[in-house]
Amino acid sequence: MITLHSDVLIAAHHGSKSSSSIDFIKQVAPKAVVFSAGFLNRWNMPTEPVKQRFINNKVMIHSTNDHGMIRVNMSGKKLNILQYRRDLSPYWFINSKRKFN
């Protein structure tokens, strides 16, 4: 048997319904998964069943269609995953949300 392990997994085929079987997820045992999918994509990827497979295996989900760009920083054994909309958005986007009188 081949041993395969990864802290961060880039999900196959944008998280389509046939990607990332339960056996594969258990074998890789990632801490986090990143789905590369377009905002409001017509195929609704990543699909709910695939996301649920990861959730059931205690894997943190990050998806570009929800969070924008995902940035993964690794330093030694430390893993830091940043989401554009939550952590990286430029100040001019943040300031544009302010209401002016």
PDB file of N, CA and C in Angstrom:
ATOM      1  N   MET A   1       0.842  -1.190   0.000  1.00  0.00           N
ATOM      2  CA  MET A   1       0.000   0.000   0.000  1.00  0.00           C
ATOM      3  C   MET A   1       0.882   1.247   0.000  1.00  0.00           C
ATOM      4  N   ILE A   2       0.526   2.209  -0.808  1.00  0.00           N
ATOM      5  CA  ILE A   2       1.252   3.469  -0.892  1.00  0.00           C
ATOM      6  C   ILE A   2       0.751   4.398   0.208  1.00  0.00           C
ATOM      7  N   THR A   3       1.695   4.980   0.935  1.00  0.00           N
ATOM      8  CA  THR A   3       1.334   5.946   1.957  1.00  0.00           C
ATOM      9  C   THR A   3       1.276   7.325   1.314  1.00  0.00           C
ATOM     10  N   LEU A   4       0.174   7.986   1.519  1.00  0.00           N
ATOM     11  CA  LEU A   4      -0.026   9.307   0.944  1.00  0.00           C
ATOM     12  C   LEU A   4      -0.599  10.202   2.029  1.00  0.00           C
ATOM     13  N   HIS A   5       0.050  11.322   2.287  1.00  0.00           N
ATOM     14  CA  HIS A   5      -0.439  12.237   3.320  1.00  0.00           C
ATOM     15  C   HIS A   5      -0.125  13.666   2.897  1.00  0.00           C
ATOM     16  N   SER A   6      -1.043  14.562   3.241  1.00  0.00           N
ATOM     17  CA  SER A   6      -0.838  15.973   2.935  1.00  0.00           C
ATOM     18  C   SER A   6      -1.564  16.818   3.968  1.00  0.00           C
ATOM     19  N   ASP A   7      -0.950  17.917   4.385  1.00  0.00           N
ATOM     20  CA  ASP A   7      -1.622  18.840   5.298  1.00  0.00           C
ATOM     21  C   ASP A   7      -2.703  19.630   4.582  1.00  0.00           C
ATOM     22  N   VAL A   8      -2.430  20.025   3.324  1.00  0.00           N
ATOM     23  CA  VAL A   8      -3.391  20.789   2.528  1.00  0.00           C
ATOM     24  C   VAL A   8      -3.606  20.041   1.217  1.00  0.00           C
ATOM     25  N   LEU A   9      -4.868  19.823   0.902  1.00  0.00           N
ATOM     26  CA  LEU A   9      -5.230  19.130  -0.331  1.00  0.00           C
ATOM     27  C   LEU A   9      -5.950  20.106  -1.258  1.00  0.00           C
ATOM     28  N   ILE A  10      -5.515  20.177  -2.504  1.00  0.00           N
ATOM     29  CA  ILE A  10      -6.251  20.926  -3.516  1.00  0.00           C
ATOM     30  C   ILE A  10      -7.230  19.922  -4.122  1.00  0.00           C
ATOM     31  N   ALA A  11      -8.509  20.154  -3.924  1.00  0.00           N
ATOM     32  CA  ALA A  11      -9.523  19.197  -4.343  1.00  0.00           C
ATOM     33  C   ALA A  11      -9.527  19.004  -5.858  1.00  0.00           C
ATOM     34  N   ALA A  12      -9.759  17.769  -6.242  1.00  0.00           N
ATOM     35  CA  ALA A  12      -9.825  17.430  -7.661  1.00  0.00           C
ATOM     36  C   ALA A  12     -11.088  18.003  -8.301  1.00  0.00           C
ATOM     37  N   HIS A  13     -10.963  18.376  -9.539  1.00  0.00           N
ATOM     38  CA  HIS A  13     -12.069  18.816 -10.386  1.00  0.00           C
ATOM     39  C   HIS A  13     -13.043  19.763  -9.688  1.00  0.00           C
ATOM     40  N   HIS A  14     -12.522  20.737  -8.985  1.00  0.00           N
ATOM     41  CA  HIS A  14     -13.300  21.817  -8.368  1.00  0.00           C
ATOM     42  C   HIS A  14     -14.309  21.338  -7.321  1.00  0.00           C
ATOM     43  N   GLY A  15     -14.212  20.065  -6.901  1.00  0.00           N
ATOM     44  CA  GLY A  15     -15.173  19.538  -5.924  1.00  0.00           C
ATOM     45  C   GLY A  15     -16.434  19.004  -6.576  1.00  0.00           C
ATOM     46  N   SER A  16     -16.308  18.483  -7.811  1.00  0.00           N
ATOM     47  CA  SER A  16     -17.479  17.914  -8.487  1.00  0.00           C
ATOM     48  C   SER A  16     -17.966  16.683  -7.735  1.00  0.00           C
ATOM     49  N   LYS A  17     -19.184  16.244  -8.025  1.00  0.00           N
ATOM     50  CA  LYS A  17     -19.821  15.173  -7.255  1.00  0.00           C
ATOM     51  C   LYS A  17     -19.071  13.850  -7.290  1.00  0.00           C
ATOM     52  N   SER A  18     -18.219  13.641  -8.285  1.00  0.00           N
ATOM     53  CA  SER A  18     -17.487  12.375  -8.362  1.00  0.00           C
ATOM     54  C   SER A  18     -16.059  12.473  -7.822  1.00  0.00           C
ATOM     55  N   SER A  19     -15.677  13.618  -7.297  1.00  0.00           N
ATOM     56  CA  SER A  19     -14.295  13.781  -6.829  1.00  0.00           C
ATOM     57  C   SER A  19     -14.158  13.473  -5.338  1.00  0.00           C
ATOM     58  N   SER A  20     -12.959  13.143  -4.929  1.00  0.00           N
ATOM     59  CA  SER A  20     -12.599  12.993  -3.506  1.00  0.00           C
ATOM     60  C   SER A  20     -13.469  11.976  -2.770  1.00  0.00           C
ATOM     61  N   SER A  21     -13.204  10.714  -3.031  1.00  0.00           N
ATOM     62  CA  SER A  21     -13.941   9.653  -2.344  1.00  0.00           C
ATOM     63  C   SER A  21     -13.589   9.641  -0.856  1.00  0.00           C
ATOM     64  N   ILE A  22     -14.428   9.014  -0.078  1.00  0.00           N
ATOM     65  CA  ILE A  22     -14.184   8.909   1.367  1.00  0.00           C
ATOM     66  C   ILE A  22     -12.864   8.195   1.630  1.00  0.00           C
ATOM     67  N   ASP A  23     -12.593   7.106   0.902  1.00  0.00           N
ATOM     68  CA  ASP A  23     -11.332   6.370   1.084  1.00  0.00           C
ATOM     69  C   ASP A  23     -10.125   7.245   0.782  1.00  0.00           C
ATOM     70  N   PHE A  24     -10.220   8.054  -0.280  1.00  0.00           N
ATOM     71  CA  PHE A  24      -9.123   8.949  -0.627  1.00  0.00           C
ATOM     72  C   PHE A  24      -8.892   9.978   0.475  1.00  0.00           C
ATOM     73  N   ILE A  25      -9.954  10.570   0.965  1.00  0.00           N
ATOM     74  CA  ILE A  25      -9.835  11.575   2.033  1.00  0.00           C
ATOM     75  C   ILE A  25      -9.200  10.963   3.273  1.00  0.00           C
ATOM     76  N   LYS A  26      -9.632   9.775   3.632  1.00  0.00           N
ATOM     77  CA  LYS A  26      -9.058   9.112   4.813  1.00  0.00           C
ATOM     78  C   LYS A  26      -7.588   8.775   4.607  1.00  0.00           C
ATOM     79  N   GLN A  27      -7.211   8.356   3.405  1.00  0.00           N
ATOM     80  CA  GLN A  27      -5.820   8.007   3.125  1.00  0.00           C
ATOM     81  C   GLN A  27      -4.916   9.239   3.177  1.00  0.00           C
ATOM     82  N   VAL A  28      -5.372  10.338   2.589  1.00  0.00           N
ATOM     83  CA  VAL A  28      -4.563  11.561   2.559  1.00  0.00           C
ATOM     84  C   VAL A  28      -4.582  12.261   3.917  1.00  0.00           C
ATOM     85  N   ALA A  29      -5.725  12.207   4.598  1.00  0.00           N
ATOM     86  CA  ALA A  29      -5.885  12.800   5.931  1.00  0.00           C
ATOM     87  C   ALA A  29      -5.424  14.257   5.995  1.00  0.00           C
ATOM     88  N   PRO A  30      -5.957  15.118   5.116  1.00  0.00           N
ATOM     89  CA  PRO A  30      -5.531  16.514   5.144  1.00  0.00           C
ATOM     90  C   PRO A  30      -6.122  17.256   6.344  1.00  0.00           C
ATOM     91  N   LYS A  31      -5.446  18.335   6.739  1.00  0.00           N
ATOM     92  CA  LYS A  31      -5.993  19.233   7.760  1.00  0.00           C
ATOM     93  C   LYS A  31      -6.959  20.221   7.110  1.00  0.00           C
ATOM     94  N   ALA A  32      -6.673  20.551   5.846  1.00  0.00           N
ATOM     95  CA  ALA A  32      -7.486  21.530   5.121  1.00  0.00           C
ATOM     96  C   ALA A  32      -7.600  21.122   3.661  1.00  0.00           C
ATOM     97  N   VAL A  33      -8.700  21.542   3.042  1.00  0.00           N
ATOM     98  CA  VAL A  33      -8.897  21.332   1.609  1.00  0.00           C
ATOM     99  C   VAL A  33      -9.205  22.683   0.977  1.00  0.00           C
ATOM    100  N   VAL A  34      -8.684  22.885  -0.235  1.00  0.00           N
ATOM    101  CA  VAL A  34      -8.960  24.097  -0.996  1.00  0.00           C
ATOM    102  C   VAL A  34      -9.690  23.689  -2.273  1.00  0.00           C
ATOM    103  N   PHE A  35     -10.860  24.276  -2.472  1.00  0.00           N
ATOM    104  CA  PHE A  35     -11.627  24.080  -3.700  1.00  0.00           C
ATOM    105  C   PHE A  35     -11.409  25.304  -4.576  1.00  0.00           C
ATOM    106  N   SER A  36     -10.959  25.087  -5.798  1.00  0.00           N
ATOM    107  CA  SER A  36     -10.823  26.171  -6.756  1.00  0.00           C
ATOM    108  C   SER A  36     -12.078  26.164  -7.629  1.00  0.00           C
ATOM    109  N   ALA A  37     -12.961  27.106  -7.363  1.00  0.00           N
ATOM    110  CA  ALA A  37     -14.234  27.155  -8.090  1.00  0.00           C
ATOM    111  C   ALA A  37     -14.659  28.607  -8.269  1.00  0.00           C
ATOM    112  N   GLY A  38     -15.292  28.880  -9.376  1.00  0.00           N
ATOM    113  CA  GLY A  38     -15.723  30.236  -9.675  1.00  0.00           C
ATOM    114  C   GLY A  38     -16.935  30.658  -8.864  1.00  0.00           C
ATOM    115  N   PHE A  39     -17.009  31.943  -8.574  1.00  0.00           N
ATOM    116  CA  PHE A  39     -18.136  32.520  -7.846  1.00  0.00           C
ATOM    117  C   PHE A  39     -19.417  32.327  -8.649  1.00  0.00           C
ATOM    118  N   LEU A  40     -20.460  31.843  -8.008  1.00  0.00           N
ATOM    119  CA  LEU A  40     -21.758  31.578  -8.629  1.00  0.00           C
ATOM    120  C   LEU A  40     -21.646  30.692  -9.879  1.00  0.00           C
ATOM    121  N   ASN A  41     -20.740  29.689  -9.840  1.00  0.00           N
ATOM    122  CA  ASN A  41     -20.582  28.818 -11.002  1.00  0.00           C
ATOM    123  C   ASN A  41     -21.842  27.998 -11.238  1.00  0.00           C
ATOM    124  N   ARG A  42     -22.165  27.750 -12.473  1.00  0.00           N
ATOM    125  CA  ARG A  42     -23.442  27.109 -12.824  1.00  0.00           C
ATOM    126  C   ARG A  42     -23.516  25.640 -12.425  1.00  0.00           C
ATOM    127  N   TRP A  43     -22.396  25.029 -12.061  1.00  0.00           N
ATOM    128  CA  TRP A  43     -22.400  23.630 -11.649  1.00  0.00           C
ATOM    129  C   TRP A  43     -22.481  23.483 -10.125  1.00  0.00           C
ATOM    130  N   ASN A  44     -22.533  24.602  -9.425  1.00  0.00           N
ATOM    131  CA  ASN A  44     -22.611  24.612  -7.958  1.00  0.00           C
ATOM    132  C   ASN A  44     -21.495  23.806  -7.304  1.00  0.00           C
ATOM    133  N   MET A  45     -20.296  23.973  -7.822  1.00  0.00           N
ATOM    134  CA  MET A  45     -19.144  23.298  -7.222  1.00  0.00           C
ATOM    135  C   MET A  45     -18.463  24.238  -6.245  1.00  0.00           C
ATOM    136  N   PRO A  46     -17.954  23.720  -5.183  1.00  0.00           N
ATOM    137  CA  PRO A  46     -17.948  22.314  -4.795  1.00  0.00           C
ATOM    138  C   PRO A  46     -19.355  21.863  -4.380  1.00  0.00           C
ATOM    139  N   THR A  47     -19.670  20.613  -4.673  1.00  0.00           N
ATOM    140  CA  THR A  47     -20.996  20.099  -4.358  1.00  0.00           C
ATOM    141  C   THR A  47     -21.122  19.819  -2.863  1.00  0.00           C
ATOM    142  N   GLU A  48     -22.339  19.877  -2.379  1.00  0.00           N
ATOM    143  CA  GLU A  48     -22.588  19.639  -0.943  1.00  0.00           C
ATOM    144  C   GLU A  48     -22.127  18.258  -0.488  1.00  0.00           C
ATOM    145  N   PRO A  49     -22.402  17.171  -1.244  1.00  0.00           N
ATOM    146  CA  PRO A  49     -21.930  15.856  -0.785  1.00  0.00           C
ATOM    147  C   PRO A  49     -20.408  15.786  -0.623  1.00  0.00           C
ATOM    148  N   VAL A  50     -19.679  16.430  -1.540  1.00  0.00           N
ATOM    149  CA  VAL A  50     -18.214  16.413  -1.437  1.00  0.00           C
ATOM    150  C   VAL A  50     -17.761  17.230  -0.237  1.00  0.00           C
ATOM    151  N   LYS A  51     -18.347  18.419  -0.049  1.00  0.00           N
ATOM    152  CA  LYS A  51     -17.992  19.218   1.135  1.00  0.00           C
ATOM    153  C   LYS A  51     -18.284  18.431   2.407  1.00  0.00           C
ATOM    154  N   GLN A  52     -19.409  17.739   2.441  1.00  0.00           N
ATOM    155  CA  GLN A  52     -19.794  16.978   3.627  1.00  0.00           C
ATOM    156  C   GLN A  52     -18.807  15.845   3.913  1.00  0.00           C
ATOM    157  N   ARG A  53     -18.262  15.220   2.864  1.00  0.00           N
ATOM    158  CA  ARG A  53     -17.244  14.168   3.063  1.00  0.00           C
ATOM    159  C   ARG A  53     -16.051  14.728   3.839  1.00  0.00           C
ATOM    160  N   PHE A  54     -15.635  15.927   3.479  1.00  0.00           N
ATOM    161  CA  PHE A  54     -14.499  16.534   4.173  1.00  0.00           C
ATOM    162  C   PHE A  54     -14.886  16.936   5.596  1.00  0.00           C
ATOM    163  N   ILE A  55     -16.045  17.527   5.750  1.00  0.00           N
ATOM    164  CA  ILE A  55     -16.515  17.932   7.086  1.00  0.00           C
ATOM    165  C   ILE A  55     -16.598  16.724   8.007  1.00  0.00           C
ATOM    166  N   ASN A  56     -17.138  15.616   7.499  1.00  0.00           N
ATOM    167  CA  ASN A  56     -17.267  14.396   8.307  1.00  0.00           C
ATOM    168  C   ASN A  56     -15.914  13.837   8.733  1.00  0.00           C
ATOM    169  N   ASN A  57     -14.861  14.200   8.009  1.00  0.00           N
ATOM    170  CA  ASN A  57     -13.508  13.755   8.346  1.00  0.00           C
ATOM    171  C   ASN A  57     -12.688  14.859   9.014  1.00  0.00           C
ATOM    172  N   LYS A  58     -13.399  15.869   9.522  1.00  0.00           N
ATOM    173  CA  LYS A  58     -12.792  16.964  10.298  1.00  0.00           C
ATOM    174  C   LYS A  58     -11.715  17.731   9.519  1.00  0.00           C
ATOM    175  N   VAL A  59     -12.011  17.989   8.246  1.00  0.00           N
ATOM    176  CA  VAL A  59     -11.103  18.749   7.385  1.00  0.00           C
ATOM    177  C   VAL A  59     -11.670  20.152   7.226  1.00  0.00           C
ATOM    178  N   MET A  60     -10.844  21.169   7.437  1.00  0.00           N
ATOM    179  CA  MET A  60     -11.274  22.554   7.265  1.00  0.00           C
ATOM    180  C   MET A  60     -11.413  22.860   5.773  1.00  0.00           C
ATOM    181  N   ILE A  61     -12.526  23.496   5.406  1.00  0.00           N
ATOM    182  CA  ILE A  61     -12.829  23.783   4.006  1.00  0.00           C
ATOM    183  C   ILE A  61     -12.545  25.242   3.676  1.00  0.00           C
ATOM    184  N   HIS A  62     -11.868  25.435   2.539  1.00  0.00           N
ATOM    185  CA  HIS A  62     -11.619  26.768   1.992  1.00  0.00           C
ATOM    186  C   HIS A  62     -11.984  26.701   0.519  1.00  0.00           C
ATOM    187  N   SER A  63     -12.777  27.658   0.058  1.00  0.00           N
ATOM    188  CA  SER A  63     -13.224  27.627  -1.331  1.00  0.00           C
ATOM    189  C   SER A  63     -13.111  29.012  -1.951  1.00  0.00           C
ATOM    190  N   THR A  64     -12.523  29.067  -3.134  1.00  0.00           N
ATOM    191  CA  THR A  64     -12.333  30.356  -3.784  1.00  0.00           C
ATOM    192  C   THR A  64     -13.660  31.003  -4.167  1.00  0.00           C
ATOM    193  N   ASN A  65     -14.710  30.214  -4.378  1.00  0.00           N
ATOM    194  CA  ASN A  65     -15.989  30.833  -4.729  1.00  0.00           C
ATOM    195  C   ASN A  65     -16.625  31.549  -3.540  1.00  0.00           C
ATOM    196  N   ASP A  66     -16.286  31.169  -2.336  1.00  0.00           N
ATOM    197  CA  ASP A  66     -16.797  31.836  -1.131  1.00  0.00           C
ATOM    198  C   ASP A  66     -15.809  32.842  -0.549  1.00  0.00           C
ATOM    199  N   HIS A  67     -14.522  32.537  -0.595  1.00  0.00           N
ATOM    200  CA  HIS A  67     -13.516  33.310   0.127  1.00  0.00           C
ATOM    201  C   HIS A  67     -12.593  34.132  -0.752  1.00  0.00           C
ATOM    202  N   GLY A  68     -12.706  34.000  -2.066  1.00  0.00           N
ATOM    203  CA  GLY A  68     -11.744  34.659  -2.937  1.00  0.00           C
ATOM    204  C   GLY A  68     -10.432  33.891  -2.920  1.00  0.00           C
ATOM    205  N   MET A  69      -9.352  34.581  -3.192  1.00  0.00           N
ATOM    206  CA  MET A  69      -8.046  33.939  -3.226  1.00  0.00           C
ATOM    207  C   MET A  69      -7.731  33.277  -1.880  1.00  0.00           C
ATOM    208  N   ILE A  70      -7.127  32.119  -1.937  1.00  0.00           N
ATOM    209  CA  ILE A  70      -6.690  31.408  -0.738  1.00  0.00           C
ATOM    210  C   ILE A  70      -5.165  31.397  -0.757  1.00  0.00           C
ATOM    211  N   ARG A  71      -4.564  31.798   0.345  1.00  0.00           N
ATOM    212  CA  ARG A  71      -3.106  31.808   0.446  1.00  0.00           C
ATOM    213  C   ARG A  71      -2.692  30.881   1.578  1.00  0.00           C
ATOM    214  N   VAL A  72      -1.771  29.965   1.291  1.00  0.00           N
ATOM    215  CA  VAL A  72      -1.302  29.005   2.283  1.00  0.00           C
ATOM    216  C   VAL A  72       0.144  29.322   2.612  1.00  0.00           C
ATOM    217  N   ASN A  73       0.397  29.592   3.879  1.00  0.00           N
ATOM    218  CA  ASN A  73       1.756  29.836   4.366  1.00  0.00           C
ATOM    219  C   ASN A  73       2.163  28.675   5.260  1.00  0.00           C
ATOM    220  N   MET A  74       3.341  28.115   4.986  1.00  0.00           N
ATOM    221  CA  MET A  74       3.865  27.039   5.819  1.00  0.00           C
ATOM    222  C   MET A  74       5.235  27.436   6.321  1.00  0.00           C
ATOM    223  N   SER A  75       5.408  27.285   7.619  1.00  0.00           N
ATOM    224  CA  SER A  75       6.691  27.581   8.232  1.00  0.00           C
ATOM    225  C   SER A  75       6.980  26.481   9.241  1.00  0.00           C
ATOM    226  N   GLY A  76       7.918  25.617   8.896  1.00  0.00           N
ATOM    227  CA  GLY A  76       8.177  24.473   9.757  1.00  0.00           C
ATOM    228  C   GLY A  76       6.937  23.594   9.819  1.00  0.00           C
ATOM    229  N   LYS A  77       6.434  23.395  11.001  1.00  0.00           N
ATOM    230  CA  LYS A  77       5.226  22.589  11.175  1.00  0.00           C
ATOM    231  C   LYS A  77       3.974  23.446  11.304  1.00  0.00           C
ATOM    232  N   LYS A  78       4.131  24.770  11.198  1.00  0.00           N
ATOM    233  CA  LYS A  78       3.004  25.679  11.340  1.00  0.00           C
ATOM    234  C   LYS A  78       2.348  25.918   9.986  1.00  0.00           C
ATOM    235  N   LEU A  79       1.024  25.832   9.967  1.00  0.00           N
ATOM    236  CA  LEU A  79       0.237  26.033   8.772  1.00  0.00           C
ATOM    237  C   LEU A  79      -0.692  27.215   8.997  1.00  0.00           C
ATOM    238  N   ASN A  80      -0.653  28.193   8.096  1.00  0.00           N
ATOM    239  CA  ASN A  80      -1.507  29.369   8.198  1.00  0.00           C
ATOM    240  C   ASN A  80      -2.200  29.573   6.856  1.00  0.00           C
ATOM    241  N   ILE A  81      -3.540  29.503   6.864  1.00  0.00           N
ATOM    242  CA  ILE A  81      -4.306  29.658   5.636  1.00  0.00           C
ATOM    243  C   ILE A  81      -5.080  30.962   5.712  1.00  0.00           C
ATOM    244  N   LEU A  82      -4.842  31.821   4.723  1.00  0.00           N
ATOM    245  CA  LEU A  82      -5.488  33.130   4.680  1.00  0.00           C
ATOM    246  C   LEU A  82      -6.517  33.161   3.562  1.00  0.00           C
ATOM    247  N   GLN A  83      -7.631  33.827   3.832  1.00  0.00           N
ATOM    248  CA  GLN A  83      -8.685  33.994   2.852  1.00  0.00           C
ATOM    249  C   GLN A  83      -8.737  35.460   2.452  1.00  0.00           C
ATOM    250  N   TYR A  84      -8.820  35.714   1.160  1.00  0.00           N
ATOM    251  CA  TYR A  84      -8.789  37.091   0.669  1.00  0.00           C
ATOM    252  C   TYR A  84      -9.872  37.957   1.305  1.00  0.00           C
ATOM    253  N   ARG A  85     -11.107  37.503   1.267  1.00  0.00           N
ATOM    254  CA  ARG A  85     -12.210  38.337   1.758  1.00  0.00           C
ATOM    255  C   ARG A  85     -12.166  38.545   3.265  1.00  0.00           C
ATOM    256  N   ARG A  86     -11.595  37.618   3.995  1.00  0.00           N
ATOM    257  CA  ARG A  86     -11.547  37.735   5.449  1.00  0.00           C
ATOM    258  C   ARG A  86     -10.243  38.376   5.931  1.00  0.00           C
ATOM    259  N   ASP A  87      -9.122  38.010   5.309  1.00  0.00           N
ATOM    260  CA  ASP A  87      -7.818  38.377   5.863  1.00  0.00           C
ATOM    261  C   ASP A  87      -6.985  39.318   4.998  1.00  0.00           C
ATOM    262  N   LEU A  88      -7.200  39.338   3.709  1.00  0.00           N
ATOM    263  CA  LEU A  88      -6.259  40.001   2.816  1.00  0.00           C
ATOM    264  C   LEU A  88      -6.831  41.173   2.026  1.00  0.00           C
ATOM    265  N   SER A  89      -8.135  41.420   2.123  1.00  0.00           N
ATOM    266  CA  SER A  89      -8.724  42.429   1.241  1.00  0.00           C
ATOM    267  C   SER A  89      -8.078  43.793   1.461  1.00  0.00           C
ATOM    268  N   PRO A  90      -7.800  44.489   0.376  1.00  0.00           N
ATOM    269  CA  PRO A  90      -7.147  45.797   0.470  1.00  0.00           C
ATOM    270  C   PRO A  90      -7.991  46.807   1.241  1.00  0.00           C
ATOM    271  N   TYR A  91      -7.321  47.736   1.844  1.00  0.00           N
ATOM    272  CA  TYR A  91      -8.014  48.708   2.691  1.00  0.00           C
ATOM    273  C   TYR A  91      -9.064  49.497   1.935  1.00  0.00           C
ATOM    274  N   TRP A  92      -8.882  49.715   0.614  1.00  0.00           N
ATOM    275  CA  TRP A  92      -9.874  50.501  -0.108  1.00  0.00           C
ATOM    276  C   TRP A  92     -11.202  49.755  -0.231  1.00  0.00           C
ATOM    277  N   PHE A  93     -11.198  48.416  -0.169  1.00  0.00           N
ATOM    278  CA  PHE A  93     -12.460  47.682  -0.128  1.00  0.00           C
ATOM    279  C   PHE A  93     -13.101  47.799   1.246  1.00  0.00           C
ATOM    280  N   ILE A  94     -12.288  47.746   2.275  1.00  0.00           N
ATOM    281  CA  ILE A  94     -12.797  47.858   3.641  1.00  0.00           C
ATOM    282  C   ILE A  94     -13.385  49.251   3.859  1.00  0.00           C
ATOM    283  N   ASN A  95     -12.657  50.291   3.425  1.00  0.00           N
ATOM    284  CA  ASN A  95     -13.120  51.658   3.613  1.00  0.00           C
ATOM    285  C   ASN A  95     -14.374  51.960   2.811  1.00  0.00           C
ATOM    286  N   SER A  96     -14.575  51.274   1.693  1.00  0.00           N
ATOM    287  CA  SER A  96     -15.747  51.545   0.868  1.00  0.00           C
ATOM    288  C   SER A  96     -17.033  51.070   1.554  1.00  0.00           C
ATOM    289  N   LYS A  97     -16.910  50.238   2.561  1.00  0.00           N
ATOM    290  CA  LYS A  97     -18.088  49.751   3.295  1.00  0.00           C
ATOM    291  C   LYS A  97     -18.543  50.758   4.350  1.00  0.00           C
ATOM    292  N   ARG A  98     -17.688  51.741   4.662  1.00  0.00           N
ATOM    293  CA  ARG A  98     -18.020  52.745   5.660  1.00  0.00           C
ATOM    294  C   ARG A  98     -19.091  53.681   5.141  1.00  0.00           C
ATOM    295  N   LYS A  99     -20.044  54.048   5.977  1.00  0.00           N
ATOM    296  CA  LYS A  99     -21.098  54.977   5.568  1.00  0.00           C
ATOM    297  C   LYS A  99     -20.665  56.403   5.893  1.00  0.00           C
ATOM    298  N   PHE A 100     -20.833  57.274   4.939  1.00  0.00           N
ATOM    299  CA  PHE A 100     -20.495  58.677   5.142  1.00  0.00           C
ATOM    300  C   PHE A 100     -21.771  59.491   5.250  1.00  0.00           C
ATOM    301  N   ASN A 101     -21.781  60.515   6.103  1.00  0.00           N
ATOM    302  CA  ASN A 101     -22.947  61.380   6.273  1.00  0.00           C
ATOM    303  C   ASN A 101     -22.901  62.541   5.323  1.00  0.00           C
TER     304      ASN A 101
END
